[in-house]
Amino acid sequence: MAGEKVAEVREENWQAEVMDAPLPVLVDFWAPRCAPCVAMAPILEQVAEELSGRLKVVKLNVDESRQTAIRYRIQSIPTFLLFQGGTVRAQVGGAMSKAALLDKLLKKL
């Protein structure tokens, strides 16, 4: 369910796509059964487009990659973690407007 600008990551490519990424990475922990998660998809596409070259945006389906969700103690979805250099720099939970998401993220970039 990833879009053109937002790639889907899994446990198999987590290290390469998130931990070793040269840019900061916003990870959307989501599931297709979650209506707020689905509602956030177009907003994440817009964020990925607007911050292209400055931020990478990816999605991780918690139902398919349970171990990664457990490792980062994801208890509710959607949850967004901002990684930089393999370290979590910020965590934001719940559905929100693009303006609210950008406001929370840009302070950490």
PDB file of N, CA and C in Angstrom:
ATOM      1  N   MET A   1       0.821  -1.197   0.000  1.00  0.00           N
ATOM      2  CA  MET A   1       0.000   0.000   0.000  1.00  0.00           C
ATOM      3  C   MET A   1       0.866   1.263   0.000  1.00  0.00           C
ATOM      4  N   ALA A   2       2.121   1.104  -0.270  1.00  0.00           N
ATOM      5  CA  ALA A   2       2.990   2.273  -0.363  1.00  0.00           C
ATOM      6  C   ALA A   2       2.708   2.996  -1.677  1.00  0.00           C
ATOM      7  N   GLY A   3       2.970   4.285  -1.681  1.00  0.00           N
ATOM      8  CA  GLY A   3       2.731   5.084  -2.873  1.00  0.00           C
ATOM      9  C   GLY A   3       3.988   5.250  -3.696  1.00  0.00           C
ATOM     10  N   GLU A   4       3.966   6.261  -4.563  1.00  0.00           N
ATOM     11  CA  GLU A   4       5.100   6.498  -5.447  1.00  0.00           C
ATOM     12  C   GLU A   4       6.324   7.002  -4.691  1.00  0.00           C
ATOM     13  N   LYS A   5       6.123   7.845  -3.707  1.00  0.00           N
ATOM     14  CA  LYS A   5       7.244   8.459  -2.983  1.00  0.00           C
ATOM     15  C   LYS A   5       7.551   7.755  -1.665  1.00  0.00           C
ATOM     16  N   VAL A   6       6.614   6.951  -1.172  1.00  0.00           N
ATOM     17  CA  VAL A   6       6.771   6.282   0.117  1.00  0.00           C
ATOM     18  C   VAL A   6       6.963   4.787  -0.123  1.00  0.00           C
ATOM     19  N   ALA A   7       8.151   4.292   0.208  1.00  0.00           N
ATOM     20  CA  ALA A   7       8.470   2.885  -0.014  1.00  0.00           C
ATOM     21  C   ALA A   7       8.023   2.034   1.171  1.00  0.00           C
ATOM     22  N   GLU A   8       7.747   0.790   0.897  1.00  0.00           N
ATOM     23  CA  GLU A   8       7.415  -0.183   1.937  1.00  0.00           C
ATOM     24  C   GLU A   8       8.715  -0.841   2.392  1.00  0.00           C
ATOM     25  N   VAL A   9       8.942  -0.890   3.700  1.00  0.00           N
ATOM     26  CA  VAL A   9      10.104  -1.612   4.225  1.00  0.00           C
ATOM     27  C   VAL A   9       9.611  -2.808   5.025  1.00  0.00           C
ATOM     28  N   ARG A  10      10.498  -3.783   5.149  1.00  0.00           N
ATOM     29  CA  ARG A  10      10.215  -5.007   5.907  1.00  0.00           C
ATOM     30  C   ARG A  10      11.429  -5.299   6.766  1.00  0.00           C
ATOM     31  N   GLU A  11      11.298  -6.310   7.588  1.00  0.00           N
ATOM     32  CA  GLU A  11      12.420  -6.679   8.448  1.00  0.00           C
ATOM     33  C   GLU A  11      13.664  -7.018   7.633  1.00  0.00           C
ATOM     34  N   GLU A  12      13.466  -7.620   6.449  1.00  0.00           N
ATOM     35  CA  GLU A  12      14.595  -8.039   5.620  1.00  0.00           C
ATOM     36  C   GLU A  12      15.431  -6.869   5.121  1.00  0.00           C
ATOM     37  N   ASN A  13      14.807  -5.713   4.869  1.00  0.00           N
ATOM     38  CA  ASN A  13      15.567  -4.579   4.335  1.00  0.00           C
ATOM     39  C   ASN A  13      15.634  -3.398   5.307  1.00  0.00           C
ATOM     40  N   TRP A  14      15.230  -3.614   6.545  1.00  0.00           N
ATOM     41  CA  TRP A  14      15.217  -2.560   7.565  1.00  0.00           C
ATOM     42  C   TRP A  14      16.595  -1.919   7.738  1.00  0.00           C
ATOM     43  N   GLN A  15      17.617  -2.737   7.880  1.00  0.00           N
ATOM     44  CA  GLN A  15      18.969  -2.219   8.120  1.00  0.00           C
ATOM     45  C   GLN A  15      19.407  -1.289   6.991  1.00  0.00           C
ATOM     46  N   ALA A  16      19.267  -1.750   5.766  1.00  0.00           N
ATOM     47  CA  ALA A  16      19.723  -0.962   4.619  1.00  0.00           C
ATOM     48  C   ALA A  16      18.874   0.278   4.389  1.00  0.00           C
ATOM     49  N   GLU A  17      17.564   0.140   4.499  1.00  0.00           N
ATOM     50  CA  GLU A  17      16.656   1.233   4.150  1.00  0.00           C
ATOM     51  C   GLU A  17      16.492   2.280   5.246  1.00  0.00           C
ATOM     52  N   VAL A  18      16.658   1.873   6.507  1.00  0.00           N
ATOM     53  CA  VAL A  18      16.421   2.802   7.619  1.00  0.00           C
ATOM     54  C   VAL A  18      17.699   3.085   8.399  1.00  0.00           C
ATOM     55  N   MET A  19      18.300   2.055   8.947  1.00  0.00           N
ATOM     56  CA  MET A  19      19.438   2.247   9.841  1.00  0.00           C
ATOM     57  C   MET A  19      20.680   2.791   9.129  1.00  0.00           C
ATOM     58  N   ASP A  20      20.915   2.359   7.901  1.00  0.00           N
ATOM     59  CA  ASP A  20      22.099   2.778   7.158  1.00  0.00           C
ATOM     60  C   ASP A  20      21.818   3.895   6.148  1.00  0.00           C
ATOM     61  N   ALA A  21      20.625   4.452   6.158  1.00  0.00           N
ATOM     62  CA  ALA A  21      20.255   5.473   5.176  1.00  0.00           C
ATOM     63  C   ALA A  21      21.054   6.759   5.389  1.00  0.00           C
ATOM     64  N   PRO A  22      21.505   7.375   4.308  1.00  0.00           N
ATOM     65  CA  PRO A  22      22.269   8.618   4.439  1.00  0.00           C
ATOM     66  C   PRO A  22      21.413   9.815   4.868  1.00  0.00           C
ATOM     67  N   LEU A  23      20.126   9.771   4.550  1.00  0.00           N
ATOM     68  CA  LEU A  23      19.201  10.841   4.937  1.00  0.00           C
ATOM     69  C   LEU A  23      18.441  10.440   6.196  1.00  0.00           C
ATOM     70  N   PRO A  24      17.874  11.407   6.922  1.00  0.00           N
ATOM     71  CA  PRO A  24      16.929  11.046   7.981  1.00  0.00           C
ATOM     72  C   PRO A  24      15.769  10.270   7.359  1.00  0.00           C
ATOM     73  N   VAL A  25      15.194   9.340   8.130  1.00  0.00           N
ATOM     74  CA  VAL A  25      14.117   8.492   7.626  1.00  0.00           C
ATOM     75  C   VAL A  25      12.923   8.586   8.559  1.00  0.00           C
ATOM     76  N   LEU A  26      11.765   8.921   7.996  1.00  0.00           N
ATOM     77  CA  LEU A  26      10.510   8.890   8.740  1.00  0.00           C
ATOM     78  C   LEU A  26       9.856   7.549   8.460  1.00  0.00           C
ATOM     79  N   VAL A  27       9.648   6.765   9.519  1.00  0.00           N
ATOM     80  CA  VAL A  27       9.022   5.449   9.376  1.00  0.00           C
ATOM     81  C   VAL A  27       7.600   5.527   9.905  1.00  0.00           C
ATOM     82  N   ASP A  28       6.661   5.148   9.062  1.00  0.00           N
ATOM     83  CA  ASP A  28       5.245   5.063   9.416  1.00  0.00           C
ATOM     84  C   ASP A  28       4.964   3.609   9.788  1.00  0.00           C
ATOM     85  N   PHE A  29       4.750   3.352  11.071  1.00  0.00           N
ATOM     86  CA  PHE A  29       4.337   2.021  11.529  1.00  0.00           C
ATOM     87  C   PHE A  29       2.823   1.984  11.378  1.00  0.00           C
ATOM     88  N   TRP A  30       2.329   1.105  10.540  1.00  0.00           N
ATOM     89  CA  TRP A  30       0.925   1.109  10.159  1.00  0.00           C
ATOM     90  C   TRP A  30       0.431  -0.303   9.910  1.00  0.00           C
ATOM     91  N   ALA A  31      -0.869  -0.419   9.602  1.00  0.00           N
ATOM     92  CA  ALA A  31      -1.489  -1.672   9.153  1.00  0.00           C
ATOM     93  C   ALA A  31      -2.689  -1.313   8.286  1.00  0.00           C
ATOM     94  N   PRO A  32      -2.987  -2.133   7.277  1.00  0.00           N
ATOM     95  CA  PRO A  32      -4.106  -1.830   6.397  1.00  0.00           C
ATOM     96  C   PRO A  32      -5.460  -1.864   7.106  1.00  0.00           C
ATOM     97  N   ARG A  33      -5.550  -2.552   8.240  1.00  0.00           N
ATOM     98  CA  ARG A  33      -6.801  -2.639   9.001  1.00  0.00           C
ATOM     99  C   ARG A  33      -7.083  -1.368   9.799  1.00  0.00           C
ATOM    100  N   CYS A  34      -6.139  -0.438   9.828  1.00  0.00           N
ATOM    101  CA  CYS A  34      -6.208   0.774  10.644  1.00  0.00           C
ATOM    102  C   CYS A  34      -6.660   1.954   9.786  1.00  0.00           C
ATOM    103  N   ALA A  35      -7.892   2.416  10.001  1.00  0.00           N
ATOM    104  CA  ALA A  35      -8.433   3.525   9.200  1.00  0.00           C
ATOM    105  C   ALA A  35      -7.603   4.808   9.321  1.00  0.00           C
ATOM    106  N   PRO A  36      -7.171   5.212  10.527  1.00  0.00           N
ATOM    107  CA  PRO A  36      -6.334   6.413  10.605  1.00  0.00           C
ATOM    108  C   PRO A  36      -5.004   6.254   9.851  1.00  0.00           C
ATOM    109  N   CYS A  37      -4.467   5.034   9.839  1.00  0.00           N
ATOM    110  CA  CYS A  37      -3.223   4.775   9.096  1.00  0.00           C
ATOM    111  C   CYS A  37      -3.445   4.994   7.603  1.00  0.00           C
ATOM    112  N   VAL A  38      -4.543   4.467   7.091  1.00  0.00           N
ATOM    113  CA  VAL A  38      -4.864   4.599   5.672  1.00  0.00           C
ATOM    114  C   VAL A  38      -5.104   6.076   5.345  1.00  0.00           C
ATOM    115  N   ALA A  39      -5.745   6.796   6.242  1.00  0.00           N
ATOM    116  CA  ALA A  39      -6.008   8.219   6.032  1.00  0.00           C
ATOM    117  C   ALA A  39      -4.718   9.041   5.967  1.00  0.00           C
ATOM    118  N   MET A  40      -3.673   8.581   6.634  1.00  0.00           N
ATOM    119  CA  MET A  40      -2.398   9.305   6.645  1.00  0.00           C
ATOM    120  C   MET A  40      -1.585   9.093   5.369  1.00  0.00           C
ATOM    121  N   ALA A  41      -1.896   8.081   4.588  1.00  0.00           N
ATOM    122  CA  ALA A  41      -1.099   7.746   3.400  1.00  0.00           C
ATOM    123  C   ALA A  41      -0.919   8.929   2.443  1.00  0.00           C
ATOM    124  N   PRO A  42      -1.987   9.647   2.060  1.00  0.00           N
ATOM    125  CA  PRO A  42      -1.763  10.767   1.132  1.00  0.00           C
ATOM    126  C   PRO A  42      -0.955  11.903   1.767  1.00  0.00           C
ATOM    127  N   ILE A  43      -1.085  12.082   3.053  1.00  0.00           N
ATOM    128  CA  ILE A  43      -0.310  13.118   3.751  1.00  0.00           C
ATOM    129  C   ILE A  43       1.171  12.760   3.718  1.00  0.00           C
ATOM    130  N   LEU A  44       1.473  11.486   3.947  1.00  0.00           N
ATOM    131  CA  LEU A  44       2.872  11.053   3.905  1.00  0.00           C
ATOM    132  C   LEU A  44       3.462  11.192   2.511  1.00  0.00           C
ATOM    133  N   GLU A  45       2.661  10.937   1.491  1.00  0.00           N
ATOM    134  CA  GLU A  45       3.117  11.138   0.113  1.00  0.00           C
ATOM    135  C   GLU A  45       3.486  12.606  -0.111  1.00  0.00           C
ATOM    136  N   GLN A  46       2.660  13.506   0.405  1.00  0.00           N
ATOM    137  CA  GLN A  46       2.924  14.939   0.250  1.00  0.00           C
ATOM    138  C   GLN A  46       4.197  15.345   0.998  1.00  0.00           C
ATOM    139  N   VAL A  47       4.370  14.818   2.213  1.00  0.00           N
ATOM    140  CA  VAL A  47       5.571  15.113   2.999  1.00  0.00           C
ATOM    141  C   VAL A  47       6.807  14.596   2.274  1.00  0.00           C
ATOM    142  N   ALA A  48       6.719  13.381   1.750  1.00  0.00           N
ATOM    143  CA  ALA A  48       7.849  12.799   1.015  1.00  0.00           C
ATOM    144  C   ALA A  48       8.193  13.657  -0.201  1.00  0.00           C
ATOM    145  N   GLU A  49       7.193  14.152  -0.878  1.00  0.00           N
ATOM    146  CA  GLU A  49       7.403  15.000  -2.057  1.00  0.00           C
ATOM    147  C   GLU A  49       8.043  16.330  -1.651  1.00  0.00           C
ATOM    148  N   GLU A  50       7.492  16.975  -0.638  1.00  0.00           N
ATOM    149  CA  GLU A  50       7.971  18.290  -0.218  1.00  0.00           C
ATOM    150  C   GLU A  50       9.373  18.257   0.372  1.00  0.00           C
ATOM    151  N   LEU A  51       9.725  17.162   1.047  1.00  0.00           N
ATOM    152  CA  LEU A  51      11.027  17.076   1.697  1.00  0.00           C
ATOM    153  C   LEU A  51      11.987  16.141   0.961  1.00  0.00           C
ATOM    154  N   SER A  52      11.696  15.886  -0.301  1.00  0.00           N
ATOM    155  CA  SER A  52      12.545  15.026  -1.119  1.00  0.00           C
ATOM    156  C   SER A  52      13.974  15.574  -1.131  1.00  0.00           C
ATOM    157  N   GLY A  53      14.932  14.674  -0.929  1.00  0.00           N
ATOM    158  CA  GLY A  53      16.326  15.073  -0.873  1.00  0.00           C
ATOM    159  C   GLY A  53      16.772  15.482   0.520  1.00  0.00           C
ATOM    160  N   ARG A  54      15.802  15.679   1.401  1.00  0.00           N
ATOM    161  CA  ARG A  54      16.090  16.074   2.788  1.00  0.00           C
ATOM    162  C   ARG A  54      15.625  15.028   3.786  1.00  0.00           C
ATOM    163  N   LEU A  55      14.612  14.234   3.379  1.00  0.00           N
ATOM    164  CA  LEU A  55      14.000  13.240   4.245  1.00  0.00           C
ATOM    165  C   LEU A  55      13.487  12.087   3.388  1.00  0.00           C
ATOM    166  N   LYS A  56      13.717  10.877   3.863  1.00  0.00           N
ATOM    167  CA  LYS A  56      13.176   9.675   3.220  1.00  0.00           C
ATOM    168  C   LYS A  56      11.973   9.233   4.049  1.00  0.00           C
ATOM    169  N   VAL A  57      10.874   8.861   3.388  1.00  0.00           N
ATOM    170  CA  VAL A  57       9.662   8.415   4.079  1.00  0.00           C
ATOM    171  C   VAL A  57       9.370   6.975   3.665  1.00  0.00           C
ATOM    172  N   VAL A  58       9.182   6.102   4.664  1.00  0.00           N
ATOM    173  CA  VAL A  58       8.879   4.696   4.406  1.00  0.00           C
ATOM    174  C   VAL A  58       7.754   4.233   5.323  1.00  0.00           C
ATOM    175  N   LYS A  59       7.142   3.100   4.950  1.00  0.00           N
ATOM    176  CA  LYS A  59       6.074   2.497   5.743  1.00  0.00           C
ATOM    177  C   LYS A  59       6.491   1.088   6.145  1.00  0.00           C
ATOM    178  N   LEU A  60       6.146   0.704   7.374  1.00  0.00           N
ATOM    179  CA  LEU A  60       6.387  -0.654   7.840  1.00  0.00           C
ATOM    180  C   LEU A  60       5.068  -1.213   8.361  1.00  0.00           C
ATOM    181  N   ASN A  61       4.590  -2.280   7.724  1.00  0.00           N
ATOM    182  CA  ASN A  61       3.340  -2.924   8.133  1.00  0.00           C
ATOM    183  C   ASN A  61       3.618  -3.739   9.399  1.00  0.00           C
ATOM    184  N   VAL A  62       3.013  -3.346  10.514  1.00  0.00           N
ATOM    185  CA  VAL A  62       3.287  -4.000  11.800  1.00  0.00           C
ATOM    186  C   VAL A  62       2.784  -5.431  11.839  1.00  0.00           C
ATOM    187  N   ASP A  63       1.800  -5.768  11.008  1.00  0.00           N
ATOM    188  CA  ASP A  63       1.293  -7.137  10.973  1.00  0.00           C
ATOM    189  C   ASP A  63       2.280  -8.072  10.267  1.00  0.00           C
ATOM    190  N   GLU A  64       3.038  -7.530   9.321  1.00  0.00           N
ATOM    191  CA  GLU A  64       3.989  -8.336   8.562  1.00  0.00           C
ATOM    192  C   GLU A  64       5.399  -8.294   9.148  1.00  0.00           C
ATOM    193  N   SER A  65       5.701  -7.285   9.922  1.00  0.00           N
ATOM    194  CA  SER A  65       7.046  -7.112  10.498  1.00  0.00           C
ATOM    195  C   SER A  65       6.927  -6.895  12.006  1.00  0.00           C
ATOM    196  N   ARG A  66       6.359  -7.883  12.656  1.00  0.00           N
ATOM    197  CA  ARG A  66       6.081  -7.781  14.100  1.00  0.00           C
ATOM    198  C   ARG A  66       7.324  -7.558  14.956  1.00  0.00           C
ATOM    199  N   GLN A  67       8.413  -8.221  14.615  1.00  0.00           N
ATOM    200  CA  GLN A  67       9.617  -8.116  15.450  1.00  0.00           C
ATOM    201  C   GLN A  67      10.160  -6.689  15.478  1.00  0.00           C
ATOM    202  N   THR A  68      10.116  -6.016  14.340  1.00  0.00           N
ATOM    203  CA  THR A  68      10.592  -4.630  14.303  1.00  0.00           C
ATOM    204  C   THR A  68       9.664  -3.738  15.116  1.00  0.00           C
ATOM    205  N   ALA A  69       8.363  -3.954  15.009  1.00  0.00           N
ATOM    206  CA  ALA A  69       7.408  -3.170  15.806  1.00  0.00           C
ATOM    207  C   ALA A  69       7.622  -3.400  17.292  1.00  0.00           C
ATOM    208  N   ILE A  70       7.881  -4.633  17.673  1.00  0.00           N
ATOM    209  CA  ILE A  70       8.139  -4.952  19.085  1.00  0.00           C
ATOM    210  C   ILE A  70       9.445  -4.295  19.538  1.00  0.00           C
ATOM    211  N   ARG A  71      10.479  -4.357  18.711  1.00  0.00           N
ATOM    212  CA  ARG A  71      11.782  -3.783  19.060  1.00  0.00           C
ATOM    213  C   ARG A  71      11.668  -2.300  19.400  1.00  0.00           C
ATOM    214  N   TYR A  72      10.782  -1.583  18.686  1.00  0.00           N
ATOM    215  CA  TYR A  72      10.616  -0.147  18.920  1.00  0.00           C
ATOM    216  C   TYR A  72       9.403   0.177  19.793  1.00  0.00           C
ATOM    217  N   ARG A  73       8.863  -0.851  20.431  1.00  0.00           N
ATOM    218  CA  ARG A  73       7.765  -0.713  21.397  1.00  0.00           C
ATOM    219  C   ARG A  73       6.561   0.045  20.828  1.00  0.00           C
ATOM    220  N   ILE A  74       6.190  -0.316  19.609  1.00  0.00           N
ATOM    221  CA  ILE A  74       5.033   0.295  18.972  1.00  0.00           C
ATOM    222  C   ILE A  74       3.782  -0.314  19.603  1.00  0.00           C
ATOM    223  N   GLN A  75       3.006   0.511  20.290  1.00  0.00           N
ATOM    224  CA  GLN A  75       1.820   0.024  20.989  1.00  0.00           C
ATOM    225  C   GLN A  75       0.525   0.455  20.334  1.00  0.00           C
ATOM    226  N   SER A  76       0.583   1.507  19.524  1.00  0.00           N
ATOM    227  CA  SER A  76      -0.609   1.943  18.798  1.00  0.00           C
ATOM    228  C   SER A  76      -0.157   2.430  17.427  1.00  0.00           C
ATOM    229  N   ILE A  77      -1.086   2.378  16.489  1.00  0.00           N
ATOM    230  CA  ILE A  77      -0.781   2.820  15.135  1.00  0.00           C
ATOM    231  C   ILE A  77      -1.839   3.816  14.685  1.00  0.00           C
ATOM    232  N   PRO A  78      -1.469   4.755  13.854  1.00  0.00           N
ATOM    233  CA  PRO A  78      -0.143   4.961  13.299  1.00  0.00           C
ATOM    234  C   PRO A  78       0.817   5.577  14.328  1.00  0.00           C
ATOM    235  N   THR A  79       2.054   5.143  14.256  1.00  0.00           N
ATOM    236  CA  THR A  79       3.145   5.750  15.008  1.00  0.00           C
ATOM    237  C   THR A  79       4.234   6.077  14.006  1.00  0.00           C
ATOM    238  N   PHE A  80       4.811   7.252  14.139  1.00  0.00           N
ATOM    239  CA  PHE A  80       5.862   7.713  13.240  1.00  0.00           C
ATOM    240  C   PHE A  80       7.142   7.894  14.042  1.00  0.00           C
ATOM    241  N   LEU A  81       8.210   7.230  13.604  1.00  0.00           N
ATOM    242  CA  LEU A  81       9.523   7.403  14.214  1.00  0.00           C
ATOM    243  C   LEU A  81      10.438   8.054  13.197  1.00  0.00           C
ATOM    244  N   LEU A  82      11.170   9.059  13.648  1.00  0.00           N
ATOM    245  CA  LEU A  82      12.146   9.724  12.805  1.00  0.00           C
ATOM    246  C   LEU A  82      13.525   9.221  13.201  1.00  0.00           C
ATOM    247  N   PHE A  83      14.200   8.565  12.261  1.00  0.00           N
ATOM    248  CA  PHE A  83      15.538   8.024  12.477  1.00  0.00           C
ATOM    249  C   PHE A  83      16.561   8.910  11.795  1.00  0.00           C
ATOM    250  N   GLN A  84      17.692   9.082  12.443  1.00  0.00           N
ATOM    251  CA  GLN A  84      18.821   9.756  11.812  1.00  0.00           C
ATOM    252  C   GLN A  84      20.081   9.063  12.298  1.00  0.00           C
ATOM    253  N   GLY A  85      20.876   8.567  11.358  1.00  0.00           N
ATOM    254  CA  GLY A  85      22.078   7.838  11.716  1.00  0.00           C
ATOM    255  C   GLY A  85      21.786   6.591  12.535  1.00  0.00           C
ATOM    256  N   GLY A  86      20.646   5.956  12.286  1.00  0.00           N
ATOM    257  CA  GLY A  86      20.277   4.734  12.992  1.00  0.00           C
ATOM    258  C   GLY A  86      19.701   4.949  14.377  1.00  0.00           C
ATOM    259  N   THR A  87      19.489   6.205  14.768  1.00  0.00           N
ATOM    260  CA  THR A  87      18.968   6.535  16.096  1.00  0.00           C
ATOM    261  C   THR A  87      17.602   7.193  15.975  1.00  0.00           C
ATOM    262  N   VAL A  88      16.698   6.848  16.887  1.00  0.00           N
ATOM    263  CA  VAL A  88      15.389   7.489  16.904  1.00  0.00           C
ATOM    264  C   VAL A  88      15.563   8.909  17.439  1.00  0.00           C
ATOM    265  N   ARG A  89      15.163   9.887  16.620  1.00  0.00           N
ATOM    266  CA  ARG A  89      15.275  11.291  17.014  1.00  0.00           C
ATOM    267  C   ARG A  89      13.952  11.863  17.490  1.00  0.00           C
ATOM    268  N   ALA A  90      12.836  11.268  17.018  1.00  0.00           N
ATOM    269  CA  ALA A  90      11.520  11.769  17.403  1.00  0.00           C
ATOM    270  C   ALA A  90      10.490  10.668  17.225  1.00  0.00           C
ATOM    271  N   GLN A  91       9.419  10.770  18.011  1.00  0.00           N
ATOM    272  CA  GLN A  91       8.291   9.842  17.894  1.00  0.00           C
ATOM    273  C   GLN A  91       7.006  10.642  17.981  1.00  0.00           C
ATOM    274  N   VAL A  92       6.102  10.372  17.046  1.00  0.00           N
ATOM    275  CA  VAL A  92       4.812  11.042  16.988  1.00  0.00           C
ATOM    276  C   VAL A  92       3.765   9.963  16.772  1.00  0.00           C
ATOM    277  N   GLY A  93       2.658  10.054  17.464  1.00  0.00           N
ATOM    278  CA  GLY A  93       1.612   9.055  17.311  1.00  0.00           C
ATOM    279  C   GLY A  93       0.287   9.654  16.890  1.00  0.00           C
ATOM    280  N   GLY A  94      -0.483   8.850  16.171  1.00  0.00           N
ATOM    281  CA  GLY A  94      -1.837   9.226  15.795  1.00  0.00           C
ATOM    282  C   GLY A  94      -1.923   9.935  14.460  1.00  0.00           C
ATOM    283  N   ALA A  95      -3.146   9.991  13.955  1.00  0.00           N
ATOM    284  CA  ALA A  95      -3.403  10.700  12.702  1.00  0.00           C
ATOM    285  C   ALA A  95      -3.399  12.193  12.985  1.00  0.00           C
ATOM    286  N   MET A  96      -2.907  12.955  12.019  1.00  0.00           N
ATOM    287  CA  MET A  96      -2.834  14.406  12.180  1.00  0.00           C
ATOM    288  C   MET A  96      -2.762  15.057  10.819  1.00  0.00           C
ATOM    289  N   SER A  97      -2.869  16.352  10.803  1.00  0.00           N
ATOM    290  CA  SER A  97      -2.764  17.091   9.550  1.00  0.00           C
ATOM    291  C   SER A  97      -1.304  17.123   9.084  1.00  0.00           C
ATOM    292  N   LYS A  98      -1.131  17.449   7.823  1.00  0.00           N
ATOM    293  CA  LYS A  98       0.222  17.580   7.297  1.00  0.00           C
ATOM    294  C   LYS A  98       0.964  18.688   8.035  1.00  0.00           C
ATOM    295  N   ALA A  99       0.285  19.790   8.318  1.00  0.00           N
ATOM    296  CA  ALA A  99       0.921  20.907   9.025  1.00  0.00           C
ATOM    297  C   ALA A  99       1.412  20.473  10.400  1.00  0.00           C
ATOM    298  N   ALA A 100       0.602  19.713  11.115  1.00  0.00           N
ATOM    299  CA  ALA A 100       0.999  19.249  12.452  1.00  0.00           C
ATOM    300  C   ALA A 100       2.183  18.292  12.364  1.00  0.00           C
ATOM    301  N   LEU A 101       2.154  17.384  11.400  1.00  0.00           N
ATOM    302  CA  LEU A 101       3.254  16.441  11.234  1.00  0.00           C
ATOM    303  C   LEU A 101       4.554  17.172  10.886  1.00  0.00           C
ATOM    304  N   LEU A 102       4.468  18.096   9.943  1.00  0.00           N
ATOM    305  CA  LEU A 102       5.650  18.865   9.544  1.00  0.00           C
ATOM    306  C   LEU A 102       6.183  19.696  10.715  1.00  0.00           C
ATOM    307  N   ASP A 103       5.288  20.272  11.492  1.00  0.00           N
ATOM    308  CA  ASP A 103       5.696  21.082  12.639  1.00  0.00           C
ATOM    309  C   ASP A 103       6.510  20.242  13.611  1.00  0.00           C
ATOM    310  N   LYS A 104       6.060  19.028  13.873  1.00  0.00           N
ATOM    311  CA  LYS A 104       6.754  18.140  14.821  1.00  0.00           C
ATOM    312  C   LYS A 104       8.071  17.632  14.226  1.00  0.00           C
ATOM    313  N   LEU A 105       8.099  17.395  12.926  1.00  0.00           N
ATOM    314  CA  LEU A 105       9.297  16.849  12.284  1.00  0.00           C
ATOM    315  C   LEU A 105      10.384  17.882  12.045  1.00  0.00           C
ATOM    316  N   LEU A 106       9.994  19.037  11.540  1.00  0.00           N
ATOM    317  CA  LEU A 106      10.995  20.017  11.142  1.00  0.00           C
ATOM    318  C   LEU A 106      11.829  20.496  12.321  1.00  0.00           C
ATOM    319  N   LYS A 107      11.301  20.419  13.512  1.00  0.00           N
ATOM    320  CA  LYS A 107      12.062  20.792  14.699  1.00  0.00           C
ATOM    321  C   LYS A 107      13.218  19.816  14.935  1.00  0.00           C
ATOM    322  N   LYS A 108      13.092  18.591  14.435  1.00  0.00           N
ATOM    323  CA  LYS A 108      14.095  17.548  14.665  1.00  0.00           C
ATOM    324  C   LYS A 108      15.050  17.369  13.506  1.00  0.00           C
ATOM    325  N   LEU A 109      14.761  17.960  12.367  1.00  0.00           N
ATOM    326  CA  LEU A 109      15.655  17.788  11.196  1.00  0.00           C
ATOM    327  C   LEU A 109      16.788  18.785  11.219  1.00  0.00           C
TER     328      LEU A 109
END
